[in-house]
Amino acid sequence: MLRIMLIRLVSVVPVLLGISVISFFVIRMIPGDVISSIMGEDFADPQVEAEMRRYFGLDMPIHEQFLHWFGGLLQGDLGTSMRSGQPVLSEIADRFPATLLLAVSALVVSILISIPFGVVSATKRNGVLDAASRLISLVGLSLPNFWLGILLVYVFSVTLGWLPSQGSGDGGLADLRYLILPAVTLGASLAAISMRMTRSSMLEVLNQDYVRTARAKGLGEHVVVVRHALRNSLIPVVTVLGIQAGALLGGTVVVEQVFSWPGLGTMVIRGISQRDYPVVQGTLLFLAFFYVVVNLLVDLIYVYLDPRLRSGH
C-alpha cells in the first residue's frame, strides 16, 4: 500500500506541471491585460503604458515570463498580485478558510441527506419512501446551483427574513447563519448524486450471501443493515464523496458569487476580470494541489473500509 501511495505522489508532479502551463497560457489568451484594465480605454499614454509593462514584466517574451514565474514557483513563490501588490500565497491564505468552511459544510449537508435517504430508499425498495427519495434526488440533480441559491434567498431572506442573504459576518458563532444558505445550495446537488450511489450500492450489498447469512443467524434488521450492509456499501460512496470534496473548492465559485461569500472563488473571478495573472495562476494551482491531497485521503479511507486492501489482496 505504501508503494501505491508513493506512486500516486510521484504522479502528482506532471499533473501540477501541466496545470501550471495551461493556467499560465490560457489566461493570457483572454483579450486585454492588466495594463488596459488599470488604465482604461480613455487613458492612453504610450510612455506610461510602456513603463507599467516593464514594471510588471509584460514587456518580456511570453516564454521568458513563464520561466520567470515558474522559477519563483519552484521556490514556493506563487507571485505577487498585480492589483493589490500582495503576495498571492498571502491572499490565498486569507481567503482559503472561508472557502474551506463552505466546502466542508456543504459536504456535511450532502452526507446528512444522502446516506440516510439512500439507505432508507434501498431498504424500502419500490415503496413510498423509495419513490420520494428518488424524486428528491432527481430534483436535486436538475436544479442549477445559482437558481437554487436565488430561490433560497428569495424565500428565507427576502420573504421570511430568517437568514442573511449575503456576506459572511464578522466571524463569530452567531454569524454561522450566513453559512446556512450557501452550504445548503452547494450541498443539495452533491446530496442528489451521493443518494443515488448509496441506494444502488446498498441494493447490491443487500443481495450478498453474507447479508443473508447474518439474517439467518437471527440478527436484527438494524444490525444487518448498519453493521454488515452499510459499511461494505460505503466504498463506492466514498469514491463519489472524495471526488466531490476535491471538486468542491472549485465548485464554490458560482455559489460564492450568488451569496458574496469572501472565498477563493470570488478571488478567481475578480482576478480573471482584472487580468490579474498571478492571482489566477496561483489559485488554480493551489486548488489542483488540494484536489490531489483529497484523493490521497480517499485512498486511505478505502484501506480502513476494506480489510482486503490492508492484506494486499
Protein backbone atom coordinates (compact mmCIF):
# COMPACT_ATOMS: atom_id res chain seq x y z
CA MET A 1 0.00 0.00 0.00
CA LEU A 2 2.91 2.29 0.78
CA ARG A 3 4.28 1.67 -2.71
CA ILE A 4 0.93 2.66 -4.23
CA MET A 5 0.92 5.88 -2.21
CA LEU A 6 4.44 6.75 -3.35
CA ILE A 7 3.43 6.15 -6.97
CA ARG A 8 0.44 8.44 -6.50
CA LEU A 9 2.64 11.14 -5.02
CA VAL A 10 5.08 10.92 -7.92
CA SER A 11 2.20 11.11 -10.41
CA VAL A 12 1.18 14.43 -8.85
CA VAL A 13 4.24 16.18 -10.33
CA PRO A 14 3.27 16.01 -14.04
CA VAL A 15 -0.34 16.87 -13.16
CA LEU A 16 0.64 20.07 -11.35
CA LEU A 17 3.18 20.89 -14.05
CA GLY A 18 0.52 20.56 -16.75
CA ILE A 19 -1.92 22.73 -14.80
CA SER A 20 0.73 25.41 -14.25
CA VAL A 21 1.45 25.55 -18.01
CA ILE A 22 -2.22 25.56 -19.02
CA SER A 23 -3.26 28.19 -16.47
CA PHE A 24 -0.33 30.45 -17.44
CA PHE A 25 -1.09 30.49 -21.16
CA VAL A 26 -4.90 30.25 -21.16
CA ILE A 27 -5.42 33.36 -19.01
CA ARG A 28 -3.26 35.29 -21.47
CA MET A 29 -5.48 34.25 -24.37
CA ILE A 30 -8.28 36.45 -22.99
CA PRO A 31 -8.37 39.83 -24.82
CA GLY A 32 -6.80 42.69 -22.88
CA ASP A 33 -4.36 42.56 -19.98
CA VAL A 34 -3.86 44.06 -16.55
CA ILE A 35 -2.48 47.30 -18.04
CA SER A 36 -5.61 48.01 -20.05
CA SER A 37 -7.67 47.00 -17.02
CA ILE A 38 -5.86 49.56 -14.84
CA MET A 39 -5.56 52.41 -17.33
CA GLY A 40 -8.93 52.02 -19.02
CA GLU A 41 -9.78 52.78 -22.62
CA ASP A 42 -9.84 56.57 -22.32
CA PHE A 43 -6.32 56.96 -20.96
CA ALA A 44 -3.65 56.04 -23.48
CA ASP A 45 -0.24 57.46 -22.65
CA PRO A 46 2.27 55.25 -24.50
CA GLN A 47 5.12 56.22 -22.20
CA VAL A 48 3.20 55.38 -19.02
CA GLU A 49 1.89 52.17 -20.58
CA ALA A 50 5.40 51.08 -21.59
CA GLU A 51 6.73 51.83 -18.10
CA MET A 52 3.93 49.79 -16.48
CA ARG A 53 4.55 46.86 -18.82
CA ARG A 54 8.22 46.94 -17.89
CA TYR A 55 7.34 47.11 -14.19
CA PHE A 56 5.11 44.03 -14.38
CA GLY A 57 7.47 42.19 -16.72
CA LEU A 58 4.92 42.10 -19.52
CA ASP A 59 7.43 43.51 -22.00
CA MET A 60 9.36 40.22 -21.97
CA PRO A 61 8.61 37.43 -24.48
CA ILE A 62 5.90 35.05 -23.26
CA HIS A 63 8.31 32.15 -22.71
CA GLU A 64 10.58 34.31 -20.56
CA GLN A 65 7.59 35.41 -18.50
CA PHE A 66 6.72 31.75 -17.92
CA LEU A 67 10.26 30.78 -16.96
CA HIS A 68 10.44 33.73 -14.54
CA TRP A 69 7.12 32.76 -12.89
CA PHE A 70 7.93 29.04 -12.87
CA GLY A 71 11.34 29.69 -11.31
CA GLY A 72 9.65 31.50 -8.44
CA LEU A 73 7.09 28.69 -8.18
CA LEU A 74 9.85 26.11 -7.64
CA GLN A 75 10.94 28.23 -4.66
CA GLY A 76 7.42 28.31 -3.21
CA ASP A 77 6.61 31.78 -4.55
CA LEU A 78 3.24 31.99 -6.34
CA GLY A 79 3.94 35.56 -7.41
CA THR A 80 2.55 38.94 -6.44
CA SER A 81 -0.88 40.32 -7.30
CA MET A 82 -0.65 42.97 -10.00
CA ARG A 83 -3.58 44.85 -8.49
CA SER A 84 -3.14 44.68 -4.72
CA GLY A 85 0.65 44.27 -4.61
CA GLN A 86 0.22 41.49 -2.02
CA PRO A 87 1.82 38.03 -2.33
CA VAL A 88 -0.62 35.61 -3.93
CA LEU A 89 0.10 32.99 -1.28
CA SER A 90 -0.88 35.51 1.41
CA GLU A 91 -4.16 36.31 -0.36
CA ILE A 92 -4.92 32.60 -0.72
CA ALA A 93 -4.22 32.08 2.99
CA ASP A 94 -6.68 34.89 3.81
CA ARG A 95 -9.43 33.51 1.57
CA PHE A 96 -8.93 29.77 1.95
CA PRO A 97 -10.54 29.37 5.41
CA ALA A 98 -13.83 30.83 4.14
CA THR A 99 -13.89 28.54 1.10
CA LEU A 100 -12.86 25.52 3.17
CA LEU A 101 -15.61 26.25 5.71
CA LEU A 102 -18.19 26.48 2.94
CA ALA A 103 -16.94 23.32 1.21
CA VAL A 104 -16.84 21.24 4.41
CA SER A 105 -20.29 22.49 5.44
CA ALA A 106 -21.69 21.59 2.01
CA LEU A 107 -20.13 18.14 2.25
CA VAL A 108 -21.65 17.62 5.71
CA VAL A 109 -25.06 18.68 4.36
CA SER A 110 -24.61 16.23 1.49
CA ILE A 111 -23.70 13.33 3.80
CA LEU A 112 -26.52 14.03 6.28
CA ILE A 113 -29.04 13.98 3.45
CA SER A 114 -27.69 11.38 1.05
CA ILE A 115 -26.68 8.43 3.24
CA PRO A 116 -29.86 8.21 5.41
CA PHE A 117 -32.15 8.75 2.41
CA GLY A 118 -30.11 6.33 0.29
CA VAL A 119 -30.25 3.60 2.95
CA VAL A 120 -33.98 4.06 3.52
CA SER A 121 -34.60 4.06 -0.22
CA ALA A 122 -32.73 0.76 -0.61
CA THR A 123 -34.29 -0.99 2.39
CA LYS A 124 -37.80 0.16 1.42
CA ARG A 125 -37.35 -0.59 -2.26
CA ASN A 126 -40.30 0.29 -4.51
CA GLY A 127 -42.18 1.76 -1.55
CA VAL A 128 -43.40 5.29 -0.91
CA LEU A 129 -40.15 6.34 0.80
CA ASP A 130 -38.13 4.95 -2.10
CA ALA A 131 -40.20 6.90 -4.62
CA ALA A 132 -39.92 10.07 -2.54
CA SER A 133 -36.13 9.68 -2.20
CA ARG A 134 -35.69 9.16 -5.93
CA LEU A 135 -37.86 12.19 -6.65
CA ILE A 136 -35.79 14.33 -4.27
CA SER A 137 -32.54 13.18 -5.90
CA LEU A 138 -33.93 13.91 -9.37
CA VAL A 139 -34.93 17.43 -8.32
CA GLY A 140 -31.52 18.00 -6.72
CA LEU A 141 -29.73 16.91 -9.90
CA SER A 142 -31.94 19.09 -12.09
CA LEU A 143 -31.62 22.39 -10.21
CA PRO A 144 -28.64 24.60 -11.13
CA ASN A 145 -26.77 25.92 -8.10
CA PHE A 146 -27.25 29.57 -9.00
CA TRP A 147 -31.02 29.14 -9.45
CA LEU A 148 -31.44 27.23 -6.19
CA GLY A 149 -29.36 29.86 -4.38
CA ILE A 150 -31.50 32.71 -5.71
CA LEU A 151 -34.66 30.77 -4.79
CA LEU A 152 -33.44 30.20 -1.21
CA VAL A 153 -32.51 33.86 -0.89
CA TYR A 154 -35.96 34.92 -2.05
CA VAL A 155 -37.76 32.55 0.34
CA PHE A 156 -35.65 32.67 3.51
CA SER A 157 -34.12 36.16 3.24
CA VAL A 158 -36.48 38.37 1.27
CA THR A 159 -39.85 36.80 2.11
CA LEU A 160 -39.37 35.32 5.59
CA GLY A 161 -36.38 37.38 6.73
CA TRP A 162 -34.94 34.45 8.70
CA LEU A 163 -31.43 34.34 7.25
CA PRO A 164 -28.97 36.87 5.79
CA SER A 165 -28.61 36.78 2.03
CA GLN A 166 -25.00 37.91 1.54
CA GLY A 167 -21.63 38.12 3.21
CA SER A 168 -20.04 36.04 5.96
CA GLY A 169 -20.47 38.20 9.06
CA ASP A 170 -17.69 39.09 11.47
CA GLY A 171 -16.57 35.54 12.21
CA GLY A 172 -18.48 34.98 15.46
CA LEU A 173 -20.55 31.90 16.28
CA ALA A 174 -23.76 33.79 15.63
CA ASP A 175 -22.55 34.54 12.11
CA LEU A 176 -22.94 30.86 11.20
CA ARG A 177 -26.37 31.95 9.99
CA TYR A 178 -24.58 33.40 6.96
CA LEU A 179 -23.30 29.91 6.16
CA ILE A 180 -26.65 28.07 6.06
CA LEU A 181 -27.97 29.17 2.66
CA PRO A 182 -24.72 28.78 0.67
CA ALA A 183 -23.96 25.42 2.33
CA VAL A 184 -27.44 24.06 1.55
CA THR A 185 -27.25 25.41 -2.00
CA LEU A 186 -23.92 23.74 -2.65
CA GLY A 187 -24.71 20.56 -0.75
CA ALA A 188 -28.09 19.87 -2.40
CA SER A 189 -26.72 18.83 -5.78
CA LEU A 190 -23.96 16.80 -4.12
CA ALA A 191 -26.53 15.01 -1.96
CA ALA A 192 -28.54 14.02 -5.02
CA ILE A 193 -25.57 12.25 -6.59
CA SER A 194 -24.47 10.56 -3.36
CA MET A 195 -28.02 9.47 -2.57
CA ARG A 196 -28.38 7.60 -5.84
CA MET A 197 -24.97 5.97 -5.39
CA THR A 198 -25.81 4.94 -1.79
CA ARG A 199 -29.09 3.40 -2.91
CA SER A 200 -27.61 1.38 -5.77
CA SER A 201 -24.66 0.23 -3.66
CA MET A 202 -26.91 -0.82 -0.78
CA LEU A 203 -29.20 -2.77 -3.12
CA GLU A 204 -26.21 -4.69 -4.43
CA VAL A 205 -24.84 -5.47 -0.96
CA LEU A 206 -28.22 -6.49 0.48
CA ASN A 207 -28.33 -9.35 -2.04
CA GLN A 208 -24.95 -10.75 -0.99
CA ASP A 209 -24.64 -14.12 0.73
CA TYR A 210 -23.10 -12.75 3.92
CA VAL A 211 -26.11 -10.48 4.45
CA ARG A 212 -28.50 -13.42 4.05
CA THR A 213 -26.31 -15.38 6.47
CA ALA A 214 -26.48 -12.58 9.03
CA ARG A 215 -30.26 -12.60 8.80
CA ALA A 216 -30.35 -16.40 9.05
CA LYS A 217 -28.35 -16.17 12.29
CA GLY A 218 -31.22 -14.17 13.76
CA LEU A 219 -29.58 -10.75 13.86
CA GLY A 220 -31.92 -7.79 13.96
CA GLU A 221 -32.61 -5.89 10.75
CA HIS A 222 -30.97 -2.74 12.15
CA VAL A 223 -27.74 -4.64 12.92
CA VAL A 224 -27.75 -6.31 9.50
CA VAL A 225 -28.23 -3.01 7.66
CA VAL A 226 -25.82 -0.85 9.68
CA ARG A 227 -23.01 -3.26 10.64
CA HIS A 228 -22.96 -5.59 7.66
CA ALA A 229 -24.54 -3.89 4.65
CA LEU A 230 -23.85 -0.17 5.12
CA ARG A 231 -20.13 -0.39 5.84
CA ASN A 232 -19.46 -2.58 2.81
CA SER A 233 -21.62 -0.40 0.57
CA LEU A 234 -19.75 2.77 1.52
CA ILE A 235 -16.67 2.15 -0.67
CA PRO A 236 -18.23 3.42 -3.95
CA VAL A 237 -19.99 6.15 -1.97
CA VAL A 238 -16.64 7.29 -0.53
CA THR A 239 -15.31 7.42 -4.08
CA VAL A 240 -18.09 9.83 -5.07
CA LEU A 241 -17.69 11.87 -1.89
CA GLY A 242 -13.93 12.07 -2.43
CA ILE A 243 -14.37 13.37 -5.96
CA GLN A 244 -16.98 15.84 -4.72
CA ALA A 245 -14.78 17.02 -1.85
CA GLY A 246 -11.89 17.68 -4.18
CA ALA A 247 -14.08 19.49 -6.69
CA LEU A 248 -15.95 21.46 -4.04
CA LEU A 249 -13.33 24.19 -3.71
CA GLY A 250 -13.57 24.93 -7.41
CA GLY A 251 -17.32 24.39 -7.41
CA THR A 252 -17.87 27.13 -4.85
CA VAL A 253 -17.18 29.80 -7.50
CA VAL A 254 -20.82 30.22 -8.56
CA VAL A 255 -22.24 29.92 -5.06
CA GLU A 256 -19.73 32.42 -3.65
CA GLN A 257 -20.80 34.89 -6.32
CA VAL A 258 -24.50 34.46 -5.52
CA PHE A 259 -24.01 34.94 -1.77
CA SER A 260 -20.99 37.32 -1.92
CA TRP A 261 -19.00 34.79 0.11
CA PRO A 262 -15.39 36.02 0.50
CA GLY A 263 -13.58 32.88 -0.65
CA LEU A 264 -11.22 31.68 -3.35
CA GLY A 265 -13.97 31.53 -5.95
CA THR A 266 -14.66 35.23 -5.60
CA MET A 267 -10.93 35.93 -5.78
CA VAL A 268 -10.53 33.93 -9.01
CA ILE A 269 -13.46 35.69 -10.69
CA ARG A 270 -12.04 39.04 -9.65
CA GLY A 271 -8.59 38.04 -10.91
CA ILE A 272 -9.97 36.97 -14.29
CA SER A 273 -11.98 40.17 -14.74
CA GLN A 274 -8.96 42.29 -13.79
CA ARG A 275 -6.48 40.12 -15.77
CA ASP A 276 -4.50 39.62 -12.58
CA TYR A 277 -2.42 36.76 -13.94
CA PRO A 278 -0.51 35.70 -10.79
CA VAL A 279 -3.73 35.50 -8.75
CA VAL A 280 -5.50 33.27 -11.28
CA GLN A 281 -2.45 31.05 -11.86
CA GLY A 282 -1.63 30.66 -8.18
CA THR A 283 -5.19 29.96 -7.09
CA LEU A 284 -5.82 27.36 -9.80
CA LEU A 285 -2.57 25.59 -8.91
CA PHE A 286 -3.47 25.63 -5.22
CA LEU A 287 -6.93 24.16 -5.93
CA ALA A 288 -5.40 21.42 -8.07
CA PHE A 289 -2.96 20.54 -5.28
CA PHE A 290 -5.80 20.38 -2.76
CA TYR A 291 -7.78 18.09 -5.09
CA VAL A 292 -4.84 15.68 -5.25
CA VAL A 293 -4.45 15.68 -1.46
CA VAL A 294 -8.14 14.86 -1.00
CA ASN A 295 -7.86 11.92 -3.39
CA LEU A 296 -4.92 10.57 -1.39
CA LEU A 297 -7.04 10.78 1.77
CA VAL A 298 -9.82 8.88 -0.01
CA ASP A 299 -7.35 6.08 -0.74
CA LEU A 300 -6.55 5.87 2.97
CA ILE A 301 -10.26 5.63 3.78
CA TYR A 302 -10.50 2.74 1.32
CA VAL A 303 -7.93 0.85 3.37
CA TYR A 304 -9.97 1.39 6.54
CA LEU A 305 -13.26 0.29 4.95
CA ASP A 306 -11.91 -2.70 3.02
CA PRO A 307 -9.64 -5.06 5.03
CA ARG A 308 -8.62 -6.80 1.79
CA LEU A 309 -6.57 -3.74 0.84
CA ARG A 310 -4.68 -3.91 4.14
CA SER A 311 -3.75 -7.54 3.49
CA GLY A 312 -2.70 -6.78 -0.08
CA HIS A 313 -5.35 -8.98 -1.75
